Amino acid sequence: IDLPAAEPDRVREQIEDVIGIDASEAIEASAKTGQG
């Protein structure tokens, strides 16, 4: 999520459209910085 190219809202929609699971409460995290 810390990358300048990150688009969390678009990816949330994509998870719901392509996979079909609810992603409204998907956790925003960055494994590199430890956020989330």
PDB file of all heavy atoms in Angstrom:
ATOM      1  N   ILE A   1       0.827  -1.211   0.000  1.00  0.00           N
ATOM      2  CA  ILE A   1       0.000   0.000   0.000  1.00  0.00           C
ATOM      3  C   ILE A   1       0.865   1.266   0.000  1.00  0.00           C
ATOM      4  O   ILE A   1       0.398   2.354  -0.345  1.00  0.00           O
ATOM      5  CB  ILE A   1      -0.979  -0.043   1.201  1.00  0.00           C
ATOM      6  CG1 ILE A   1      -2.232   0.775   0.912  1.00  0.00           C
ATOM      7  CG2 ILE A   1      -0.334   0.364   2.508  1.00  0.00           C
ATOM      8  CD1 ILE A   1      -3.196   0.110   0.004  1.00  0.00           C
ATOM      9  N   ASP A   2       2.159   1.111   0.371  1.00  0.00           N
ATOM     10  CA  ASP A   2       3.050   2.276   0.435  1.00  0.00           C
ATOM     11  C   ASP A   2       3.589   2.688  -0.939  1.00  0.00           C
ATOM     12  O   ASP A   2       4.213   3.734  -1.071  1.00  0.00           O
ATOM     13  CB  ASP A   2       4.230   1.977   1.375  1.00  0.00           C
ATOM     14  CG  ASP A   2       5.000   0.736   0.912  1.00  0.00           C
ATOM     15  OD1 ASP A   2       4.335  -0.248   0.537  1.00  0.00           O
ATOM     16  OD2 ASP A   2       6.241   0.746   0.927  1.00  0.00           O
ATOM     17  N   LEU A   3       3.352   1.862  -1.979  1.00  0.00           N
ATOM     18  CA  LEU A   3       3.881   2.189  -3.308  1.00  0.00           C
ATOM     19  C   LEU A   3       3.093   3.334  -3.943  1.00  0.00           C
ATOM     20  O   LEU A   3       1.874   3.414  -3.777  1.00  0.00           O
ATOM     21  CB  LEU A   3       3.800   0.970  -4.244  1.00  0.00           C
ATOM     22  CG  LEU A   3       4.686  -0.226  -3.931  1.00  0.00           C
ATOM     23  CD1 LEU A   3       4.470  -1.311  -4.963  1.00  0.00           C
ATOM     24  CD2 LEU A   3       6.157   0.147  -3.911  1.00  0.00           C
ATOM     25  N   PRO A   4       3.760   4.202  -4.695  1.00  0.00           N
ATOM     26  CA  PRO A   4       3.032   5.305  -5.350  1.00  0.00           C
ATOM     27  C   PRO A   4       1.972   4.790  -6.332  1.00  0.00           C
ATOM     28  O   PRO A   4       0.971   5.442  -6.556  1.00  0.00           O
ATOM     29  CB  PRO A   4       4.136   6.077  -6.101  1.00  0.00           C
ATOM     30  CG  PRO A   4       5.434   5.563  -5.595  1.00  0.00           C
ATOM     31  CD  PRO A   4       5.208   4.250  -4.947  1.00  0.00           C
ATOM     32  N   ALA A   5       2.217   3.600  -6.923  1.00  0.00           N
ATOM     33  CA  ALA A   5       1.284   3.060  -7.926  1.00  0.00           C
ATOM     34  C   ALA A   5       0.106   2.312  -7.308  1.00  0.00           C
ATOM     35  O   ALA A   5      -0.740   1.781  -8.037  1.00  0.00           O
ATOM     36  CB  ALA A   5       2.044   2.136  -8.864  1.00  0.00           C
ATOM     37  N   ALA A   6       0.035   2.221  -5.975  1.00  0.00           N
ATOM     38  CA  ALA A   6      -1.027   1.440  -5.314  1.00  0.00           C
ATOM     39  C   ALA A   6      -2.395   2.067  -5.559  1.00  0.00           C
ATOM     40  O   ALA A   6      -2.564   3.278  -5.453  1.00  0.00           O
ATOM     41  CB  ALA A   6      -0.745   1.366  -3.817  1.00  0.00           C
ATOM     42  N   GLU A   7      -3.356   1.217  -5.928  1.00  0.00           N
ATOM     43  CA  GLU A   7      -4.743   1.675  -6.147  1.00  0.00           C
ATOM     44  C   GLU A   7      -5.681   0.755  -5.366  1.00  0.00           C
ATOM     45  O   GLU A   7      -6.311  -0.139  -5.954  1.00  0.00           O
ATOM     46  CB  GLU A   7      -5.078   1.619  -7.640  1.00  0.00           C
ATOM     47  CG  GLU A   7      -4.219   2.496  -8.520  1.00  0.00           C
ATOM     48  CD  GLU A   7      -4.548   2.299  -9.993  1.00  0.00           C
ATOM     49  OE1 GLU A   7      -5.586   2.811 -10.432  1.00  0.00           O
ATOM     50  OE2 GLU A   7      -3.779   1.601 -10.672  1.00  0.00           O
ATOM     51  N   PRO A   8      -5.788   0.952  -4.039  1.00  0.00           N
ATOM     52  CA  PRO A   8      -6.564   0.022  -3.217  1.00  0.00           C
ATOM     53  C   PRO A   8      -8.032  -0.103  -3.615  1.00  0.00           C
ATOM     54  O   PRO A   8      -8.588  -1.198  -3.616  1.00  0.00           O
ATOM     55  CB  PRO A   8      -6.423   0.584  -1.798  1.00  0.00           C
ATOM     56  CG  PRO A   8      -5.833   1.937  -1.938  1.00  0.00           C
ATOM     57  CD  PRO A   8      -5.126   1.986  -3.234  1.00  0.00           C
ATOM     58  N   ASP A   9      -8.676   1.027  -4.009  1.00  0.00           N
ATOM     59  CA  ASP A   9     -10.107   0.959  -4.342  1.00  0.00           C
ATOM     60  C   ASP A   9     -10.343   0.148  -5.609  1.00  0.00           C
ATOM     61  O   ASP A   9     -11.284  -0.645  -5.684  1.00  0.00           O
ATOM     62  CB  ASP A   9     -10.678   2.382  -4.509  1.00  0.00           C
ATOM     63  CG  ASP A   9     -10.583   3.156  -3.195  1.00  0.00           C
ATOM     64  OD1 ASP A   9     -10.612   2.492  -2.130  1.00  0.00           O
ATOM     65  OD2 ASP A   9     -10.455   4.406  -3.216  1.00  0.00           O
ATOM     66  N   ARG A  10      -9.476   0.340  -6.599  1.00  0.00           N
ATOM     67  CA  ARG A  10      -9.615  -0.421  -7.846  1.00  0.00           C
ATOM     68  C   ARG A  10      -9.412  -1.909  -7.602  1.00  0.00           C
ATOM     69  O   ARG A  10     -10.148  -2.745  -8.113  1.00  0.00           O
ATOM     70  CB  ARG A  10      -8.582   0.087  -8.875  1.00  0.00           C
ATOM     71  CG  ARG A  10      -8.653  -0.615 -10.226  1.00  0.00           C
ATOM     72  CD  ARG A  10      -7.568  -0.122 -11.171  1.00  0.00           C
ATOM     73  NE  ARG A  10      -6.230  -0.478 -10.746  1.00  0.00           N
ATOM     74  CZ  ARG A  10      -5.666  -1.684 -10.970  1.00  0.00           C
ATOM     75  NH1 ARG A  10      -6.351  -2.639 -11.572  1.00  0.00           N
ATOM     76  NH2 ARG A  10      -4.431  -1.906 -10.582  1.00  0.00           N
ATOM     77  N   VAL A  11      -8.402  -2.243  -6.759  1.00  0.00           N
ATOM     78  CA  VAL A  11      -8.100  -3.657  -6.485  1.00  0.00           C
ATOM     79  C   VAL A  11      -9.221  -4.302  -5.661  1.00  0.00           C
ATOM     80  O   VAL A  11      -9.570  -5.455  -5.873  1.00  0.00           O
ATOM     81  CB  VAL A  11      -6.719  -3.794  -5.797  1.00  0.00           C
ATOM     82  CG1 VAL A  11      -6.457  -5.227  -5.391  1.00  0.00           C
ATOM     83  CG2 VAL A  11      -5.614  -3.314  -6.736  1.00  0.00           C
ATOM     84  N   ARG A  12      -9.814  -3.519  -4.750  1.00  0.00           N
ATOM     85  CA  ARG A  12     -10.972  -4.035  -3.986  1.00  0.00           C
ATOM     86  C   ARG A  12     -12.096  -4.459  -4.934  1.00  0.00           C
ATOM     87  O   ARG A  12     -12.660  -5.540  -4.800  1.00  0.00           O
ATOM     88  CB  ARG A  12     -11.516  -2.933  -3.056  1.00  0.00           C
ATOM     89  CG  ARG A  12     -10.935  -2.960  -1.688  1.00  0.00           C
ATOM     90  CD  ARG A  12     -11.831  -2.214  -0.710  1.00  0.00           C
ATOM     91  NE  ARG A  12     -11.164  -2.167   0.572  1.00  0.00           N
ATOM     92  CZ  ARG A  12     -10.341  -1.199   0.934  1.00  0.00           C
ATOM     93  NH1 ARG A  12     -10.115  -0.191   0.123  1.00  0.00           N
ATOM     94  NH2 ARG A  12      -9.735  -1.217   2.109  1.00  0.00           N
ATOM     95  N   GLU A  13     -12.403  -3.562  -5.877  1.00  0.00           N
ATOM     96  CA  GLU A  13     -13.454  -3.874  -6.864  1.00  0.00           C
ATOM     97  C   GLU A  13     -13.095  -5.119  -7.655  1.00  0.00           C
ATOM     98  O   GLU A  13     -13.936  -5.965  -7.929  1.00  0.00           O
ATOM     99  CB  GLU A  13     -13.592  -2.703  -7.849  1.00  0.00           C
ATOM    100  CG  GLU A  13     -14.591  -1.647  -7.421  1.00  0.00           C
ATOM    101  CD  GLU A  13     -14.647  -0.527  -8.446  1.00  0.00           C
ATOM    102  OE1 GLU A  13     -14.756  -0.828  -9.651  1.00  0.00           O
ATOM    103  OE2 GLU A  13     -14.551   0.645  -8.036  1.00  0.00           O
ATOM    104  N   GLN A  14     -11.810  -5.193  -8.036  1.00  0.00           N
ATOM    105  CA  GLN A  14     -11.343  -6.333  -8.839  1.00  0.00           C
ATOM    106  C   GLN A  14     -11.510  -7.647  -8.084  1.00  0.00           C
ATOM    107  O   GLN A  14     -11.948  -8.647  -8.661  1.00  0.00           O
ATOM    108  CB  GLN A  14      -9.869  -6.112  -9.164  1.00  0.00           C
ATOM    109  CG  GLN A  14      -9.487  -6.613 -10.519  1.00  0.00           C
ATOM    110  CD  GLN A  14      -8.027  -6.328 -10.811  1.00  0.00           C
ATOM    111  OE1 GLN A  14      -7.145  -6.675 -10.041  1.00  0.00           O
ATOM    112  NE2 GLN A  14      -7.765  -5.679 -11.922  1.00  0.00           N
ATOM    113  N   ILE A  15     -11.190  -7.650  -6.774  1.00  0.00           N
ATOM    114  CA  ILE A  15     -11.338  -8.875  -5.961  1.00  0.00           C
ATOM    115  C   ILE A  15     -12.809  -9.292  -5.958  1.00  0.00           C
ATOM    116  O   ILE A  15     -13.133 -10.478  -6.108  1.00  0.00           O
ATOM    117  CB  ILE A  15     -10.820  -8.638  -4.517  1.00  0.00           C
ATOM    118  CG1 ILE A  15      -9.298  -8.451  -4.517  1.00  0.00           C
ATOM    119  CG2 ILE A  15     -11.203  -9.801  -3.606  1.00  0.00           C
ATOM    120  CD1 ILE A  15      -8.704  -8.061  -3.177  1.00  0.00           C
ATOM    121  N   GLU A  16     -13.706  -8.311  -5.810  1.00  0.00           N
ATOM    122  CA  GLU A  16     -15.145  -8.637  -5.784  1.00  0.00           C
ATOM    123  C   GLU A  16     -15.636  -9.116  -7.143  1.00  0.00           C
ATOM    124  O   GLU A  16     -16.399 -10.067  -7.229  1.00  0.00           O
ATOM    125  CB  GLU A  16     -15.943  -7.415  -5.307  1.00  0.00           C
ATOM    126  CG  GLU A  16     -15.705  -7.145  -3.818  1.00  0.00           C
ATOM    127  CD  GLU A  16     -16.438  -5.926  -3.283  1.00  0.00           C
ATOM    128  OE1 GLU A  16     -17.088  -5.226  -4.080  1.00  0.00           O
ATOM    129  OE2 GLU A  16     -16.350  -5.679  -2.062  1.00  0.00           O
ATOM    130  N   ASP A  17     -15.180  -8.466  -8.235  1.00  0.00           N
ATOM    131  CA  ASP A  17     -15.647  -8.837  -9.585  1.00  0.00           C
ATOM    132  C   ASP A  17     -15.085 -10.179 -10.035  1.00  0.00           C
ATOM    133  O   ASP A  17     -15.801 -11.034 -10.526  1.00  0.00           O
ATOM    134  CB  ASP A  17     -15.208  -7.776 -10.621  1.00  0.00           C
ATOM    135  CG  ASP A  17     -15.920  -6.458 -10.413  1.00  0.00           C
ATOM    136  OD1 ASP A  17     -16.875  -6.444  -9.613  1.00  0.00           O
ATOM    137  OD2 ASP A  17     -15.517  -5.451 -11.026  1.00  0.00           O
ATOM    138  N   VAL A  18     -13.759 -10.322  -9.887  1.00  0.00           N
ATOM    139  CA  VAL A  18     -13.098 -11.508 -10.459  1.00  0.00           C
ATOM    140  C   VAL A  18     -13.233 -12.723  -9.547  1.00  0.00           C
ATOM    141  O   VAL A  18     -13.532 -13.832 -10.003  1.00  0.00           O
ATOM    142  CB  VAL A  18     -11.602 -11.211 -10.748  1.00  0.00           C
ATOM    143  CG1 VAL A  18     -10.920 -12.418 -11.325  1.00  0.00           C
ATOM    144  CG2 VAL A  18     -11.470 -10.043 -11.707  1.00  0.00           C
ATOM    145  N   ILE A  19     -12.992 -12.536  -8.240  1.00  0.00           N
ATOM    146  CA  ILE A  19     -13.017 -13.696  -7.335  1.00  0.00           C
ATOM    147  C   ILE A  19     -14.413 -13.919  -6.748  1.00  0.00           C
ATOM    148  O   ILE A  19     -14.844 -15.046  -6.543  1.00  0.00           O
ATOM    149  CB  ILE A  19     -11.978 -13.525  -6.191  1.00  0.00           C
ATOM    150  CG1 ILE A  19     -10.564 -13.412  -6.781  1.00  0.00           C
ATOM    151  CG2 ILE A  19     -12.035 -14.685  -5.213  1.00  0.00           C
ATOM    152  CD1 ILE A  19      -9.484 -13.085  -5.781  1.00  0.00           C
ATOM    153  N   GLY A  20     -15.113 -12.812  -6.473  1.00  0.00           N
ATOM    154  CA  GLY A  20     -16.474 -12.951  -5.946  1.00  0.00           C
ATOM    155  C   GLY A  20     -16.539 -13.041  -4.439  1.00  0.00           C
ATOM    156  O   GLY A  20     -17.465 -13.647  -3.898  1.00  0.00           O
ATOM    157  N   ILE A  21     -15.534 -12.497  -3.714  1.00  0.00           N
ATOM    158  CA  ILE A  21     -15.622 -12.457  -2.248  1.00  0.00           C
ATOM    159  C   ILE A  21     -15.666 -10.998  -1.804  1.00  0.00           C
ATOM    160  O   ILE A  21     -15.138 -10.124  -2.484  1.00  0.00           O
ATOM    161  CB  ILE A  21     -14.461 -13.219  -1.553  1.00  0.00           C
ATOM    162  CG1 ILE A  21     -13.097 -12.643  -1.948  1.00  0.00           C
ATOM    163  CG2 ILE A  21     -14.514 -14.696  -1.823  1.00  0.00           C
ATOM    164  CD1 ILE A  21     -11.934 -13.205  -1.144  1.00  0.00           C
ATOM    165  N   ASP A  22     -16.302 -10.753  -0.672  1.00  0.00           N
ATOM    166  CA  ASP A  22     -16.460  -9.383  -0.176  1.00  0.00           C
ATOM    167  C   ASP A  22     -15.098  -8.817   0.231  1.00  0.00           C
ATOM    168  O   ASP A  22     -14.415  -9.386   1.072  1.00  0.00           O
ATOM    169  CB  ASP A  22     -17.426  -9.399   1.013  1.00  0.00           C
ATOM    170  CG  ASP A  22     -17.627  -7.999   1.585  1.00  0.00           C
ATOM    171  OD1 ASP A  22     -17.430  -7.034   0.822  1.00  0.00           O
ATOM    172  OD2 ASP A  22     -17.968  -7.871   2.776  1.00  0.00           O
ATOM    173  N   ALA A  23     -14.737  -7.683  -0.374  1.00  0.00           N
ATOM    174  CA  ALA A  23     -13.433  -7.084  -0.068  1.00  0.00           C
ATOM    175  C   ALA A  23     -13.584  -5.692   0.542  1.00  0.00           C
ATOM    176  O   ALA A  23     -12.618  -4.932   0.596  1.00  0.00           O
ATOM    177  CB  ALA A  23     -12.593  -7.026  -1.336  1.00  0.00           C
ATOM    178  N   SER A  24     -14.813  -5.363   0.990  1.00  0.00           N
ATOM    179  CA  SER A  24     -15.041  -4.016   1.530  1.00  0.00           C
ATOM    180  C   SER A  24     -14.210  -3.775   2.786  1.00  0.00           C
ATOM    181  O   SER A  24     -13.812  -2.651   3.076  1.00  0.00           O
ATOM    182  CB  SER A  24     -16.521  -3.807   1.827  1.00  0.00           C
ATOM    183  OG  SER A  24     -16.975  -4.820   2.707  1.00  0.00           O
ATOM    184  N   GLU A  25     -13.940  -4.861   3.530  1.00  0.00           N
ATOM    185  CA  GLU A  25     -13.147  -4.703   4.751  1.00  0.00           C
ATOM    186  C   GLU A  25     -11.729  -5.243   4.597  1.00  0.00           C
ATOM    187  O   GLU A  25     -11.087  -5.617   5.575  1.00  0.00           O
ATOM    188  CB  GLU A  25     -13.859  -5.398   5.919  1.00  0.00           C
ATOM    189  CG  GLU A  25     -15.153  -4.680   6.300  1.00  0.00           C
ATOM    190  CD  GLU A  25     -15.858  -5.334   7.460  1.00  0.00           C
ATOM    191  OE1 GLU A  25     -15.211  -6.128   8.175  1.00  0.00           O
ATOM    192  OE2 GLU A  25     -17.051  -5.058   7.640  1.00  0.00           O
ATOM    193  N   ALA A  26     -11.262  -5.321   3.362  1.00  0.00           N
ATOM    194  CA  ALA A  26      -9.890  -5.816   3.114  1.00  0.00           C
ATOM    195  C   ALA A  26      -8.885  -4.908   3.823  1.00  0.00           C
ATOM    196  O   ALA A  26      -9.003  -3.688   3.798  1.00  0.00           O
ATOM    197  CB  ALA A  26      -9.606  -5.840   1.620  1.00  0.00           C
ATOM    198  N   ILE A  27      -7.912  -5.515   4.477  1.00  0.00           N
ATOM    199  CA  ILE A  27      -6.932  -4.753   5.269  1.00  0.00           C
ATOM    200  C   ILE A  27      -5.888  -4.148   4.340  1.00  0.00           C
ATOM    201  O   ILE A  27      -5.336  -4.849   3.481  1.00  0.00           O
ATOM    202  CB  ILE A  27      -6.242  -5.691   6.297  1.00  0.00           C
ATOM    203  CG1 ILE A  27      -7.290  -6.359   7.164  1.00  0.00           C
ATOM    204  CG2 ILE A  27      -5.242  -4.936   7.153  1.00  0.00           C
ATOM    205  CD1 ILE A  27      -6.845  -7.658   7.769  1.00  0.00           C
ATOM    206  N   GLU A  28      -5.626  -2.863   4.535  1.00  0.00           N
ATOM    207  CA  GLU A  28      -4.560  -2.217   3.763  1.00  0.00           C
ATOM    208  C   GLU A  28      -3.273  -2.336   4.578  1.00  0.00           C
ATOM    209  O   GLU A  28      -3.223  -1.921   5.734  1.00  0.00           O
ATOM    210  CB  GLU A  28      -4.905  -0.744   3.524  1.00  0.00           C
ATOM    211  CG  GLU A  28      -6.119  -0.583   2.615  1.00  0.00           C
ATOM    212  CD  GLU A  28      -6.380   0.859   2.221  1.00  0.00           C
ATOM    213  OE1 GLU A  28      -5.532   1.716   2.530  1.00  0.00           O
ATOM    214  OE2 GLU A  28      -7.423   1.113   1.601  1.00  0.00           O
ATOM    215  N   ALA A  29      -2.259  -2.963   3.969  1.00  0.00           N
ATOM    216  CA  ALA A  29      -1.020  -3.219   4.722  1.00  0.00           C
ATOM    217  C   ALA A  29       0.196  -3.018   3.834  1.00  0.00           C
ATOM    218  O   ALA A  29       0.090  -2.993   2.608  1.00  0.00           O
ATOM    219  CB  ALA A  29      -1.032  -4.646   5.267  1.00  0.00           C
ATOM    220  N   SER A  30       1.338  -2.904   4.476  1.00  0.00           N
ATOM    221  CA  SER A  30       2.598  -2.887   3.750  1.00  0.00           C
ATOM    222  C   SER A  30       3.566  -3.783   4.517  1.00  0.00           C
ATOM    223  O   SER A  30       4.004  -3.445   5.610  1.00  0.00           O
ATOM    224  CB  SER A  30       3.147  -1.468   3.655  1.00  0.00           C
ATOM    225  OG  SER A  30       4.496  -1.531   3.256  1.00  0.00           O
ATOM    226  N   ALA A  31       3.865  -4.940   3.930  1.00  0.00           N
ATOM    227  CA  ALA A  31       4.766  -5.884   4.604  1.00  0.00           C
ATOM    228  C   ALA A  31       6.168  -5.311   4.718  1.00  0.00           C
ATOM    229  O   ALA A  31       6.929  -5.669   5.609  1.00  0.00           O
ATOM    230  CB  ALA A  31       4.797  -7.197   3.840  1.00  0.00           C
ATOM    231  N   LYS A  32       6.507  -4.384   3.827  1.00  0.00           N
ATOM    232  CA  LYS A  32       7.859  -3.815   3.832  1.00  0.00           C
ATOM    233  C   LYS A  32       8.039  -2.870   5.028  1.00  0.00           C
ATOM    234  O   LYS A  32       9.023  -2.939   5.752  1.00  0.00           O
ATOM    235  CB  LYS A  32       8.067  -3.069   2.512  1.00  0.00           C
ATOM    236  CG  LYS A  32       9.500  -2.681   2.241  1.00  0.00           C
ATOM    237  CD  LYS A  32       9.574  -2.069   0.870  1.00  0.00           C
ATOM    238  CE  LYS A  32      10.963  -1.581   0.535  1.00  0.00           C
ATOM    239  NZ  LYS A  32      10.978  -0.889  -0.745  1.00  0.00           N
ATOM    240  N   THR A  33       7.029  -1.982   5.238  1.00  0.00           N
ATOM    241  CA  THR A  33       7.167  -0.989   6.309  1.00  0.00           C
ATOM    242  C   THR A  33       6.557  -1.448   7.631  1.00  0.00           C
ATOM    243  O   THR A  33       6.785  -0.852   8.673  1.00  0.00           O
ATOM    244  CB  THR A  33       6.480   0.333   5.898  1.00  0.00           C
ATOM    245  OG1 THR A  33       5.076   0.070   5.708  1.00  0.00           O
ATOM    246  CG2 THR A  33       7.057   0.895   4.622  1.00  0.00           C
ATOM    247  N   GLY A  34       5.731  -2.520   7.580  1.00  0.00           N
ATOM    248  CA  GLY A  34       5.106  -3.006   8.822  1.00  0.00           C
ATOM    249  C   GLY A  34       3.741  -2.382   9.077  1.00  0.00           C
ATOM    250  O   GLY A  34       3.098  -2.668  10.091  1.00  0.00           O
ATOM    251  N   GLN A  35       3.252  -1.578   8.144  1.00  0.00           N
ATOM    252  CA  GLN A  35       1.937  -0.941   8.304  1.00  0.00           C
ATOM    253  C   GLN A  35       0.821  -1.987   8.206  1.00  0.00           C
ATOM    254  O   GLN A  35       0.826  -2.826   7.318  1.00  0.00           O
ATOM    255  CB  GLN A  35       1.767   0.101   7.187  1.00  0.00           C
ATOM    256  CG  GLN A  35       0.433   0.840   7.214  1.00  0.00           C
ATOM    257  CD  GLN A  35       0.269   1.686   5.947  1.00  0.00           C
ATOM    258  OE1 GLN A  35       1.250   2.089   5.331  1.00  0.00           O
ATOM    259  NE2 GLN A  35      -0.958   1.959   5.566  1.00  0.00           N
ATOM    260  N   GLY A  36      -0.139  -1.921   9.150  1.00  0.00           N
ATOM    261  CA  GLY A  36      -1.317  -2.790   9.099  1.00  0.00           C
ATOM    262  C   GLY A  36      -1.104  -4.209   9.591  1.00  0.00           C
ATOM    263  O   GLY A  36      -2.006  -5.044   9.500  1.00  0.00           O
TER     264      GLY A  36
END
